[in-house]
Amino acid sequence: MKKVSLILCLVLILAAAFSFTACDEKENGVTIKYAKVSFSYTNKDGDDKNEDVTLKLYVNYAPEAIAQFIELADKGFYDGSIVNHIDSGFISLGGYKLTDGKLTALTSGKTVTGEFVENGWRGNNLSVSEGAVVMYREPTNIKENNYNTADCRFAICTSSSAFTASEYCVIGKLADSKKIDVIKEIAELRSKTENDVTEYNRYYVGGLKELAEMFLNDKALADSKNLDSKDIEKLTENGSLYTYIANEGVNIDDDDYNEVTSIASTLVSAYGSKLYAYFYNMPVSTVTVTKVAISSKNN
């Protein structure tokens, strides 16, 4: 009787294991997972929209990044977050929440290894194309090497030139290519349309100057945010870093860029979402990610 019971238990265990693995879709031997991302927003015509797009994730190509993405989604980490950046070739989401006009940065507390060629990973064959899904990391012009800084933010591309696949981790693509229309409609909410980088920098640092002067004129406010007046003054003095950036544009020295960006980030974080939107191309109206749901099938 004990022998029969043992055999029955083994059969049940094997059946359970088989049912778990069998439910995962395979494509050319690659395990596929799906993530349904639900958006709520008001489009440029003033129409309130609720749209879903499904992301097709290729687990074998970027196992560490996708495992983290799935874990966060299953916890509800992304629910209620916002589209926080719109560039000419992508929208970025999953890194911030906006509550009562206050912008809060999100972090999982864990970064993942960059699974792409320039970081020594040879197992990712995905390319950057319209509809590609990319794990967002810090750009290399901010620090010397940010290949392993991807955390929770991800981007959906509207252009094949948005990122370089050899330097960014592509984790998947839109399951239905026609859904790119939803992403492009969101991308139309971009707060800036300047294509000239130097001109963009002039707007950027001009706004920083105004912001810095606001803190200089309100010492109590600056003190409450633990802001160093010497740092703030670097953005307002004649011939200072902000002027240098405005004049030099893309040719700015990395050290100067790092310094002014650090100061700028502190100021913007202290002030809140209004100026963050101005500096970082947030949508002109809030695009909320209401839900990210993981599944093994494209339902």
C-alpha atoms as a PDB file:
ATOM      1  CA  MET A   1       0.000   0.000   0.000  1.00  0.00           C
ATOM      2  CA  LYS A   2       2.896   2.338   0.883  1.00  0.00           C
ATOM      3  CA  LYS A   3       4.517   1.561  -2.470  1.00  0.00           C
ATOM      4  CA  VAL A   4       1.321   2.425  -4.346  1.00  0.00           C
ATOM      5  CA  SER A   5       0.953   5.677  -2.382  1.00  0.00           C
ATOM      6  CA  LEU A   6       4.563   6.635  -3.152  1.00  0.00           C
ATOM      7  CA  ILE A   7       4.085   5.964  -6.857  1.00  0.00           C
ATOM      8  CA  LEU A   8       0.848   7.998  -6.828  1.00  0.00           C
ATOM      9  CA  CYS A   9       2.619  10.910  -5.130  1.00  0.00           C
ATOM     10  CA  LEU A  10       5.402  10.828  -7.712  1.00  0.00           C
ATOM     11  CA  VAL A  11       2.862  10.784 -10.532  1.00  0.00           C
ATOM     12  CA  LEU A  12       1.056  13.790  -9.060  1.00  0.00           C
ATOM     13  CA  ILE A  13       4.312  15.719  -8.612  1.00  0.00           C
ATOM     14  CA  LEU A  14       5.389  15.022 -12.177  1.00  0.00           C
ATOM     15  CA  ALA A  15       1.951  15.969 -13.479  1.00  0.00           C
ATOM     16  CA  ALA A  16       2.055  19.257 -11.573  1.00  0.00           C
ATOM     17  CA  ALA A  17       5.549  20.036 -12.840  1.00  0.00           C
ATOM     18  CA  PHE A  18       4.530  19.233 -16.393  1.00  0.00           C
ATOM     19  CA  SER A  19       1.416  21.399 -16.213  1.00  0.00           C
ATOM     20  CA  PHE A  20       3.501  24.329 -14.911  1.00  0.00           C
ATOM     21  CA  THR A  21       6.095  24.186 -17.677  1.00  0.00           C
ATOM     22  CA  ALA A  22       3.633  23.258 -20.381  1.00  0.00           C
ATOM     23  CA  CYS A  23       1.621  26.418 -19.819  1.00  0.00           C
ATOM     24  CA  ASP A  24       4.603  28.559 -20.831  1.00  0.00           C
ATOM     25  CA  GLU A  25       4.540  29.381 -24.510  1.00  0.00           C
ATOM     26  CA  LYS A  26       7.687  28.629 -26.515  1.00  0.00           C
ATOM     27  CA  GLU A  27       8.971  30.304 -29.660  1.00  0.00           C
ATOM     28  CA  ASN A  28      11.994  28.633 -31.270  1.00  0.00           C
ATOM     29  CA  GLY A  29      12.854  27.194 -27.863  1.00  0.00           C
ATOM     30  CA  VAL A  30      12.571  30.567 -26.107  1.00  0.00           C
ATOM     31  CA  THR A  31      10.157  30.878 -23.166  1.00  0.00           C
ATOM     32  CA  ILE A  32       7.586  33.604 -23.697  1.00  0.00           C
ATOM     33  CA  LYS A  33       5.769  35.615 -21.058  1.00  0.00           C
ATOM     34  CA  TYR A  34       3.215  38.365 -21.582  1.00  0.00           C
ATOM     35  CA  ALA A  35       2.619  41.596 -19.697  1.00  0.00           C
ATOM     36  CA  LYS A  36      -0.602  43.532 -20.232  1.00  0.00           C
ATOM     37  CA  VAL A  37      -0.011  47.225 -19.559  1.00  0.00           C
ATOM     38  CA  SER A  38      -3.131  49.325 -18.990  1.00  0.00           C
ATOM     39  CA  PHE A  39      -2.977  53.096 -19.581  1.00  0.00           C
ATOM     40  CA  SER A  40      -5.342  55.872 -18.557  1.00  0.00           C
ATOM     41  CA  TYR A  41      -4.832  59.312 -20.110  1.00  0.00           C
ATOM     42  CA  THR A  42      -6.347  62.246 -21.929  1.00  0.00           C
ATOM     43  CA  ASN A  43      -5.184  62.516 -25.519  1.00  0.00           C
ATOM     44  CA  LYS A  44      -4.230  65.726 -27.322  1.00  0.00           C
ATOM     45  CA  ASP A  45      -7.836  66.190 -28.489  1.00  0.00           C
ATOM     46  CA  GLY A  46      -9.085  66.139 -24.910  1.00  0.00           C
ATOM     47  CA  ASP A  47     -10.603  62.645 -25.088  1.00  0.00           C
ATOM     48  CA  ASP A  48     -10.288  60.454 -21.994  1.00  0.00           C
ATOM     49  CA  LYS A  49      -8.757  57.113 -22.986  1.00  0.00           C
ATOM     50  CA  ASN A  50      -8.264  53.735 -21.342  1.00  0.00           C
ATOM     51  CA  GLU A  51      -6.066  51.514 -23.486  1.00  0.00           C
ATOM     52  CA  ASP A  52      -4.234  48.214 -23.066  1.00  0.00           C
ATOM     53  CA  VAL A  53      -1.087  47.026 -24.803  1.00  0.00           C
ATOM     54  CA  THR A  54       0.455  43.595 -24.335  1.00  0.00           C
ATOM     55  CA  LEU A  55       4.209  43.158 -24.163  1.00  0.00           C
ATOM     56  CA  LYS A  56       5.757  39.925 -25.413  1.00  0.00           C
ATOM     57  CA  LEU A  57       8.769  39.083 -23.228  1.00  0.00           C
ATOM     58  CA  TYR A  58      11.559  36.738 -24.365  1.00  0.00           C
ATOM     59  CA  VAL A  59      12.737  35.211 -21.099  1.00  0.00           C
ATOM     60  CA  ASN A  60      15.841  33.379 -22.345  1.00  0.00           C
ATOM     61  CA  TYR A  61      17.297  36.480 -23.962  1.00  0.00           C
ATOM     62  CA  ALA A  62      17.279  38.603 -20.799  1.00  0.00           C
ATOM     63  CA  PRO A  63      16.482  36.280 -17.871  1.00  0.00           C
ATOM     64  CA  GLU A  64      17.657  38.531 -15.034  1.00  0.00           C
ATOM     65  CA  ALA A  65      15.945  41.690 -16.268  1.00  0.00           C
ATOM     66  CA  ILE A  66      12.694  39.910 -17.108  1.00  0.00           C
ATOM     67  CA  ALA A  67      12.638  38.017 -13.802  1.00  0.00           C
ATOM     68  CA  GLN A  68      12.873  41.339 -11.958  1.00  0.00           C
ATOM     69  CA  PHE A  69      10.235  42.936 -14.201  1.00  0.00           C
ATOM     70  CA  ILE A  70       7.822  40.029 -13.603  1.00  0.00           C
ATOM     71  CA  GLU A  71       8.449  40.027  -9.854  1.00  0.00           C
ATOM     72  CA  LEU A  72       7.711  43.750  -9.614  1.00  0.00           C
ATOM     73  CA  ALA A  73       4.609  43.496 -11.799  1.00  0.00           C
ATOM     74  CA  ASP A  74       3.242  40.598  -9.751  1.00  0.00           C
ATOM     75  CA  LYS A  75       3.652  42.693  -6.592  1.00  0.00           C
ATOM     76  CA  GLY A  76       1.655  45.548  -8.125  1.00  0.00           C
ATOM     77  CA  PHE A  77       4.766  47.740  -8.115  1.00  0.00           C
ATOM     78  CA  TYR A  78       3.900  49.425 -11.426  1.00  0.00           C
ATOM     79  CA  ASP A  79       0.214  49.966 -10.715  1.00  0.00           C
ATOM     80  CA  GLY A  80      -0.483  53.677 -10.415  1.00  0.00           C
ATOM     81  CA  SER A  81       2.885  54.735 -11.831  1.00  0.00           C
ATOM     82  CA  ILE A  82       3.141  57.207 -14.695  1.00  0.00           C
ATOM     83  CA  VAL A  83       4.723  57.734 -18.082  1.00  0.00           C
ATOM     84  CA  ASN A  84       7.485  60.015 -16.850  1.00  0.00           C
ATOM     85  CA  HIS A  85       9.416  60.799 -20.004  1.00  0.00           C
ATOM     86  CA  ILE A  86       8.619  61.111 -23.695  1.00  0.00           C
ATOM     87  CA  ASP A  87      11.468  61.301 -26.152  1.00  0.00           C
ATOM     88  CA  SER A  88      11.429  61.503 -29.936  1.00  0.00           C
ATOM     89  CA  GLY A  89      11.833  57.721 -30.155  1.00  0.00           C
ATOM     90  CA  PHE A  90      10.278  56.227 -27.018  1.00  0.00           C
ATOM     91  CA  ILE A  91       8.115  56.646 -23.941  1.00  0.00           C
ATOM     92  CA  SER A  92       9.561  55.764 -20.536  1.00  0.00           C
ATOM     93  CA  LEU A  93       7.468  54.448 -17.668  1.00  0.00           C
ATOM     94  CA  GLY A  94       7.570  52.600 -14.376  1.00  0.00           C
ATOM     95  CA  GLY A  95       9.949  54.919 -12.548  1.00  0.00           C
ATOM     96  CA  TYR A  96       7.699  57.471 -10.856  1.00  0.00           C
ATOM     97  CA  LYS A  97       4.348  58.012  -9.196  1.00  0.00           C
ATOM     98  CA  LEU A  98       2.490  61.297  -9.040  1.00  0.00           C
ATOM     99  CA  THR A  99       0.394  61.803  -5.898  1.00  0.00           C
ATOM    100  CA  ASP A 100      -1.315  65.086  -4.982  1.00  0.00           C
ATOM    101  CA  GLY A 101       1.015  66.940  -7.354  1.00  0.00           C
ATOM    102  CA  LYS A 102       4.128  65.404  -5.784  1.00  0.00           C
ATOM    103  CA  LEU A 103       6.462  63.312  -7.894  1.00  0.00           C
ATOM    104  CA  THR A 104       7.993  60.297  -6.156  1.00  0.00           C
ATOM    105  CA  ALA A 105      10.811  58.263  -7.663  1.00  0.00           C
ATOM    106  CA  LEU A 106      10.352  54.485  -7.563  1.00  0.00           C
ATOM    107  CA  THR A 107      13.060  51.919  -7.011  1.00  0.00           C
ATOM    108  CA  SER A 108      13.064  48.196  -6.507  1.00  0.00           C
ATOM    109  CA  GLY A 109      16.205  48.501  -4.420  1.00  0.00           C
ATOM    110  CA  LYS A 110      18.021  46.217  -6.831  1.00  0.00           C
ATOM    111  CA  THR A 111      19.730  46.828 -10.150  1.00  0.00           C
ATOM    112  CA  VAL A 112      20.240  44.112 -12.740  1.00  0.00           C
ATOM    113  CA  THR A 113      23.132  43.125 -14.956  1.00  0.00           C
ATOM    114  CA  GLY A 114      22.969  44.670 -18.412  1.00  0.00           C
ATOM    115  CA  GLU A 115      22.153  41.774 -20.732  1.00  0.00           C
ATOM    116  CA  PHE A 116      23.537  43.174 -23.979  1.00  0.00           C
ATOM    117  CA  VAL A 117      26.645  42.782 -26.139  1.00  0.00           C
ATOM    118  CA  GLU A 118      28.726  45.721 -24.895  1.00  0.00           C
ATOM    119  CA  ASN A 119      28.391  44.352 -21.355  1.00  0.00           C
ATOM    120  CA  GLY A 120      29.636  40.906 -22.350  1.00  0.00           C
ATOM    121  CA  TRP A 121      26.228  39.231 -22.762  1.00  0.00           C
ATOM    122  CA  ARG A 122      25.926  37.264 -26.002  1.00  0.00           C
ATOM    123  CA  GLY A 123      22.537  35.652 -25.450  1.00  0.00           C
ATOM    124  CA  ASN A 124      20.238  38.485 -26.513  1.00  0.00           C
ATOM    125  CA  ASN A 125      19.257  38.489 -30.190  1.00  0.00           C
ATOM    126  CA  LEU A 126      16.518  41.107 -29.906  1.00  0.00           C
ATOM    127  CA  SER A 127      16.852  44.344 -31.850  1.00  0.00           C
ATOM    128  CA  VAL A 128      15.589  47.858 -31.254  1.00  0.00           C
ATOM    129  CA  SER A 129      12.641  48.494 -33.551  1.00  0.00           C
ATOM    130  CA  GLU A 130       9.258  50.178 -33.440  1.00  0.00           C
ATOM    131  CA  GLY A 131       7.408  48.557 -30.548  1.00  0.00           C
ATOM    132  CA  ALA A 132      10.534  47.166 -28.850  1.00  0.00           C
ATOM    133  CA  VAL A 133      10.573  47.067 -25.038  1.00  0.00           C
ATOM    134  CA  VAL A 134      13.848  48.171 -23.445  1.00  0.00           C
ATOM    135  CA  MET A 135      15.002  48.215 -19.832  1.00  0.00           C
ATOM    136  CA  TYR A 136      15.956  51.810 -19.105  1.00  0.00           C
ATOM    137  CA  ARG A 137      19.330  52.424 -17.478  1.00  0.00           C
ATOM    138  CA  GLU A 138      21.347  55.546 -16.741  1.00  0.00           C
ATOM    139  CA  PRO A 139      22.958  56.924 -19.919  1.00  0.00           C
ATOM    140  CA  THR A 140      26.717  56.532 -20.158  1.00  0.00           C
ATOM    141  CA  ASN A 141      27.255  60.286 -20.404  1.00  0.00           C
ATOM    142  CA  ILE A 142      26.065  60.672 -16.810  1.00  0.00           C
ATOM    143  CA  LYS A 143      28.660  58.311 -15.349  1.00  0.00           C
ATOM    144  CA  GLU A 144      31.572  56.419 -16.807  1.00  0.00           C
ATOM    145  CA  ASN A 145      29.834  53.056 -16.890  1.00  0.00           C
ATOM    146  CA  ASN A 146      26.156  52.624 -16.193  1.00  0.00           C
ATOM    147  CA  TYR A 147      25.641  49.325 -17.967  1.00  0.00           C
ATOM    148  CA  ASN A 148      24.381  47.628 -14.792  1.00  0.00           C
ATOM    149  CA  THR A 149      22.036  50.336 -13.497  1.00  0.00           C
ATOM    150  CA  ALA A 150      18.673  49.123 -14.870  1.00  0.00           C
ATOM    151  CA  ASP A 151      16.154  48.972 -12.035  1.00  0.00           C
ATOM    152  CA  CYS A 152      12.411  49.267 -12.636  1.00  0.00           C
ATOM    153  CA  ARG A 153      11.984  51.739 -15.492  1.00  0.00           C
ATOM    154  CA  PHE A 154      11.340  50.487 -18.989  1.00  0.00           C
ATOM    155  CA  ALA A 155      10.702  52.070 -22.354  1.00  0.00           C
ATOM    156  CA  ILE A 156       8.502  51.270 -25.331  1.00  0.00           C
ATOM    157  CA  CYS A 157      10.052  52.449 -28.589  1.00  0.00           C
ATOM    158  CA  THR A 158       8.329  54.386 -31.333  1.00  0.00           C
ATOM    159  CA  SER A 159      11.472  54.368 -33.468  1.00  0.00           C
ATOM    160  CA  SER A 160      14.248  51.930 -34.370  1.00  0.00           C
ATOM    161  CA  SER A 161      16.809  54.622 -33.537  1.00  0.00           C
ATOM    162  CA  ALA A 162      15.661  55.135 -29.944  1.00  0.00           C
ATOM    163  CA  PHE A 163      18.434  53.020 -28.399  1.00  0.00           C
ATOM    164  CA  THR A 164      21.476  51.038 -29.517  1.00  0.00           C
ATOM    165  CA  ALA A 165      20.694  47.344 -28.979  1.00  0.00           C
ATOM    166  CA  SER A 166      24.322  46.516 -28.231  1.00  0.00           C
ATOM    167  CA  GLU A 167      24.254  48.968 -25.296  1.00  0.00           C
ATOM    168  CA  TYR A 168      20.736  48.521 -23.901  1.00  0.00           C
ATOM    169  CA  CYS A 169      18.802  45.455 -22.801  1.00  0.00           C
ATOM    170  CA  VAL A 170      15.861  44.702 -25.096  1.00  0.00           C
ATOM    171  CA  ILE A 171      13.430  42.406 -23.276  1.00  0.00           C
ATOM    172  CA  GLY A 172      10.619  42.098 -25.795  1.00  0.00           C
ATOM    173  CA  LYS A 173       8.202  43.874 -28.092  1.00  0.00           C
ATOM    174  CA  LEU A 174       4.527  44.668 -28.508  1.00  0.00           C
ATOM    175  CA  ALA A 175       2.634  41.419 -29.000  1.00  0.00           C
ATOM    176  CA  ASP A 176       0.336  43.181 -31.475  1.00  0.00           C
ATOM    177  CA  SER A 177       2.263  45.582 -33.720  1.00  0.00           C
ATOM    178  CA  LYS A 178      -0.931  47.554 -34.398  1.00  0.00           C
ATOM    179  CA  LYS A 179      -0.921  48.665 -30.748  1.00  0.00           C
ATOM    180  CA  ILE A 180       1.950  50.982 -31.579  1.00  0.00           C
ATOM    181  CA  ASP A 181      -0.827  53.462 -32.368  1.00  0.00           C
ATOM    182  CA  VAL A 182      -1.593  53.650 -28.631  1.00  0.00           C
ATOM    183  CA  ILE A 183       2.052  54.330 -27.801  1.00  0.00           C
ATOM    184  CA  LYS A 184       2.290  56.960 -30.525  1.00  0.00           C
ATOM    185  CA  GLU A 185      -0.867  58.658 -29.280  1.00  0.00           C
ATOM    186  CA  ILE A 186       0.727  58.891 -25.830  1.00  0.00           C
ATOM    187  CA  ALA A 187       3.960  60.118 -27.432  1.00  0.00           C
ATOM    188  CA  GLU A 188       1.999  63.015 -28.964  1.00  0.00           C
ATOM    189  CA  LEU A 189       1.649  64.400 -25.433  1.00  0.00           C
ATOM    190  CA  ARG A 190       5.343  65.246 -25.354  1.00  0.00           C
ATOM    191  CA  SER A 191       5.893  68.586 -23.628  1.00  0.00           C
ATOM    192  CA  LYS A 192       8.773  69.595 -25.896  1.00  0.00           C
ATOM    193  CA  THR A 193       9.238  69.213 -29.612  1.00  0.00           C
ATOM    194  CA  GLU A 194      12.605  70.961 -30.107  1.00  0.00           C
ATOM    195  CA  ASN A 195      14.870  68.797 -32.223  1.00  0.00           C
ATOM    196  CA  ASP A 196      17.937  70.956 -31.822  1.00  0.00           C
ATOM    197  CA  VAL A 197      19.872  69.752 -28.769  1.00  0.00           C
ATOM    198  CA  THR A 198      21.616  73.069 -28.178  1.00  0.00           C
ATOM    199  CA  GLU A 199      18.289  74.885 -28.214  1.00  0.00           C
ATOM    200  CA  TYR A 200      16.878  72.297 -25.822  1.00  0.00           C
ATOM    201  CA  ASN A 201      19.807  72.897 -23.460  1.00  0.00           C
ATOM    202  CA  ARG A 202      19.146  76.633 -23.525  1.00  0.00           C
ATOM    203  CA  TYR A 203      15.584  76.003 -22.386  1.00  0.00           C
ATOM    204  CA  TYR A 204      16.816  73.506 -19.812  1.00  0.00           C
ATOM    205  CA  VAL A 205      19.385  75.733 -18.167  1.00  0.00           C
ATOM    206  CA  GLY A 206      17.216  78.846 -18.510  1.00  0.00           C
ATOM    207  CA  GLY A 207      14.599  77.086 -16.410  1.00  0.00           C
ATOM    208  CA  LEU A 208      17.267  75.958 -13.953  1.00  0.00           C
ATOM    209  CA  LYS A 209      18.430  79.543 -13.523  1.00  0.00           C
ATOM    210  CA  GLU A 210      14.906  80.629 -12.617  1.00  0.00           C
ATOM    211  CA  LEU A 211      14.556  77.724 -10.235  1.00  0.00           C
ATOM    212  CA  ALA A 212      17.913  78.392  -8.596  1.00  0.00           C
ATOM    213  CA  GLU A 213      17.058  82.057  -8.133  1.00  0.00           C
ATOM    214  CA  MET A 214      13.798  81.079  -6.468  1.00  0.00           C
ATOM    215  CA  PHE A 215      15.705  79.076  -3.856  1.00  0.00           C
ATOM    216  CA  LEU A 216      18.318  81.816  -3.405  1.00  0.00           C
ATOM    217  CA  ASN A 217      15.553  84.327  -2.709  1.00  0.00           C
ATOM    218  CA  ASP A 218      13.869  82.041  -0.182  1.00  0.00           C
ATOM    219  CA  LYS A 219      16.508  80.869   2.279  1.00  0.00           C
ATOM    220  CA  ALA A 220      13.958  79.115   4.478  1.00  0.00           C
ATOM    221  CA  LEU A 221      12.776  77.071   1.526  1.00  0.00           C
ATOM    222  CA  ALA A 222      16.345  76.212   0.549  1.00  0.00           C
ATOM    223  CA  ASP A 223      17.209  75.236   4.125  1.00  0.00           C
ATOM    224  CA  SER A 224      14.109  73.068   4.378  1.00  0.00           C
ATOM    225  CA  LYS A 225      15.360  71.124   1.363  1.00  0.00           C
ATOM    226  CA  ASN A 226      18.961  70.965   2.641  1.00  0.00           C
ATOM    227  CA  LEU A 227      20.185  72.829  -0.437  1.00  0.00           C
ATOM    228  CA  ASP A 228      23.689  74.284  -0.463  1.00  0.00           C
ATOM    229  CA  SER A 229      23.607  77.924  -1.581  1.00  0.00           C
ATOM    230  CA  LYS A 230      27.069  77.610  -3.147  1.00  0.00           C
ATOM    231  CA  ASP A 231      25.828  74.865  -5.406  1.00  0.00           C
ATOM    232  CA  ILE A 232      22.732  76.838  -6.321  1.00  0.00           C
ATOM    233  CA  GLU A 233      24.853  79.886  -7.149  1.00  0.00           C
ATOM    234  CA  LYS A 234      26.777  77.854  -9.702  1.00  0.00           C
ATOM    235  CA  LEU A 235      23.630  77.927 -11.793  1.00  0.00           C
ATOM    236  CA  THR A 236      23.012  81.658 -11.520  1.00  0.00           C
ATOM    237  CA  GLU A 237      26.374  83.432 -11.667  1.00  0.00           C
ATOM    238  CA  ASN A 238      27.410  85.129 -14.869  1.00  0.00           C
ATOM    239  CA  GLY A 239      29.693  82.776 -16.821  1.00  0.00           C
ATOM    240  CA  SER A 240      28.620  79.842 -14.664  1.00  0.00           C
ATOM    241  CA  LEU A 241      27.967  76.243 -15.618  1.00  0.00           C
ATOM    242  CA  TYR A 242      24.451  76.922 -16.818  1.00  0.00           C
ATOM    243  CA  THR A 243      25.760  79.509 -19.315  1.00  0.00           C
ATOM    244  CA  TYR A 244      28.470  77.102 -20.392  1.00  0.00           C
ATOM    245  CA  ILE A 245      25.959  74.350 -21.098  1.00  0.00           C
ATOM    246  CA  ALA A 246      23.668  76.691 -22.992  1.00  0.00           C
ATOM    247  CA  ASN A 247      26.506  77.786 -25.232  1.00  0.00           C
ATOM    248  CA  GLU A 248      28.240  74.449 -25.693  1.00  0.00           C
ATOM    249  CA  GLY A 249      25.207  72.218 -26.150  1.00  0.00           C
ATOM    250  CA  VAL A 250      26.172  68.628 -26.918  1.00  0.00           C
ATOM    251  CA  ASN A 251      29.886  69.469 -26.672  1.00  0.00           C
ATOM    252  CA  ILE A 252      29.786  69.975 -22.926  1.00  0.00           C
ATOM    253  CA  ASP A 253      32.581  68.400 -20.917  1.00  0.00           C
ATOM    254  CA  ASP A 254      31.450  65.269 -19.007  1.00  0.00           C
ATOM    255  CA  ASP A 255      32.636  66.543 -15.624  1.00  0.00           C
ATOM    256  CA  ASP A 256      30.756  69.811 -15.996  1.00  0.00           C
ATOM    257  CA  TYR A 257      27.682  67.965 -17.224  1.00  0.00           C
ATOM    258  CA  ASN A 258      27.778  65.637 -14.235  1.00  0.00           C
ATOM    259  CA  GLU A 259      28.127  68.521 -11.806  1.00  0.00           C
ATOM    260  CA  VAL A 260      25.325  70.631 -13.183  1.00  0.00           C
ATOM    261  CA  THR A 261      23.053  67.595 -13.626  1.00  0.00           C
ATOM    262  CA  SER A 262      23.559  66.629  -9.995  1.00  0.00           C
ATOM    263  CA  ILE A 263      22.642  70.117  -8.837  1.00  0.00           C
ATOM    264  CA  ALA A 264      19.727  70.253 -11.226  1.00  0.00           C
ATOM    265  CA  SER A 265      18.355  66.937  -9.998  1.00  0.00           C
ATOM    266  CA  THR A 266      18.469  68.159  -6.406  1.00  0.00           C
ATOM    267  CA  LEU A 267      16.673  71.386  -7.274  1.00  0.00           C
ATOM    268  CA  VAL A 268      14.044  69.736  -9.399  1.00  0.00           C
ATOM    269  CA  SER A 269      13.352  67.037  -6.809  1.00  0.00           C
ATOM    270  CA  ALA A 270      13.024  69.691  -4.138  1.00  0.00           C
ATOM    271  CA  TYR A 271      10.580  71.760  -6.145  1.00  0.00           C
ATOM    272  CA  GLY A 272       8.354  68.942  -7.327  1.00  0.00           C
ATOM    273  CA  SER A 273       6.662  67.717 -10.445  1.00  0.00           C
ATOM    274  CA  LYS A 274       5.897  71.005 -12.227  1.00  0.00           C
ATOM    275  CA  LEU A 275       9.469  71.802 -13.135  1.00  0.00           C
ATOM    276  CA  TYR A 276      10.376  68.144 -13.496  1.00  0.00           C
ATOM    277  CA  ALA A 277       7.889  68.050 -16.335  1.00  0.00           C
ATOM    278  CA  TYR A 278       9.527  71.070 -17.907  1.00  0.00           C
ATOM    279  CA  PHE A 279      13.055  69.678 -17.700  1.00  0.00           C
ATOM    280  CA  TYR A 280      12.539  66.022 -18.459  1.00  0.00           C
ATOM    281  CA  ASN A 281       9.835  65.945 -21.124  1.00  0.00           C
ATOM    282  CA  MET A 282       7.057  64.532 -19.014  1.00  0.00           C
ATOM    283  CA  PRO A 283       3.727  64.453 -20.848  1.00  0.00           C
ATOM    284  CA  VAL A 284       1.745  67.668 -20.740  1.00  0.00           C
ATOM    285  CA  SER A 285      -1.056  65.659 -19.140  1.00  0.00           C
ATOM    286  CA  THR A 286      -0.673  62.703 -16.815  1.00  0.00           C
ATOM    287  CA  VAL A 287      -0.538  59.238 -18.356  1.00  0.00           C
ATOM    288  CA  THR A 288      -1.161  56.676 -15.626  1.00  0.00           C
ATOM    289  CA  VAL A 289      -0.197  53.021 -15.768  1.00  0.00           C
ATOM    290  CA  THR A 290      -3.212  51.579 -13.981  1.00  0.00           C
ATOM    291  CA  LYS A 291      -2.083  47.951 -14.087  1.00  0.00           C
ATOM    292  CA  VAL A 292       0.680  45.647 -15.341  1.00  0.00           C
ATOM    293  CA  ALA A 293      -0.452  42.017 -15.362  1.00  0.00           C
ATOM    294  CA  ILE A 294       1.800  39.050 -16.220  1.00  0.00           C
ATOM    295  CA  SER A 295       0.501  35.918 -17.950  1.00  0.00           C
ATOM    296  CA  SER A 296       1.820  32.884 -19.821  1.00  0.00           C
ATOM    297  CA  LYS A 297      -0.649  33.311 -22.672  1.00  0.00           C
ATOM    298  CA  ASN A 298      -1.544  36.241 -24.889  1.00  0.00           C
ATOM    299  CA  ASN A 299      -5.140  36.645 -23.787  1.00  0.00           C
END
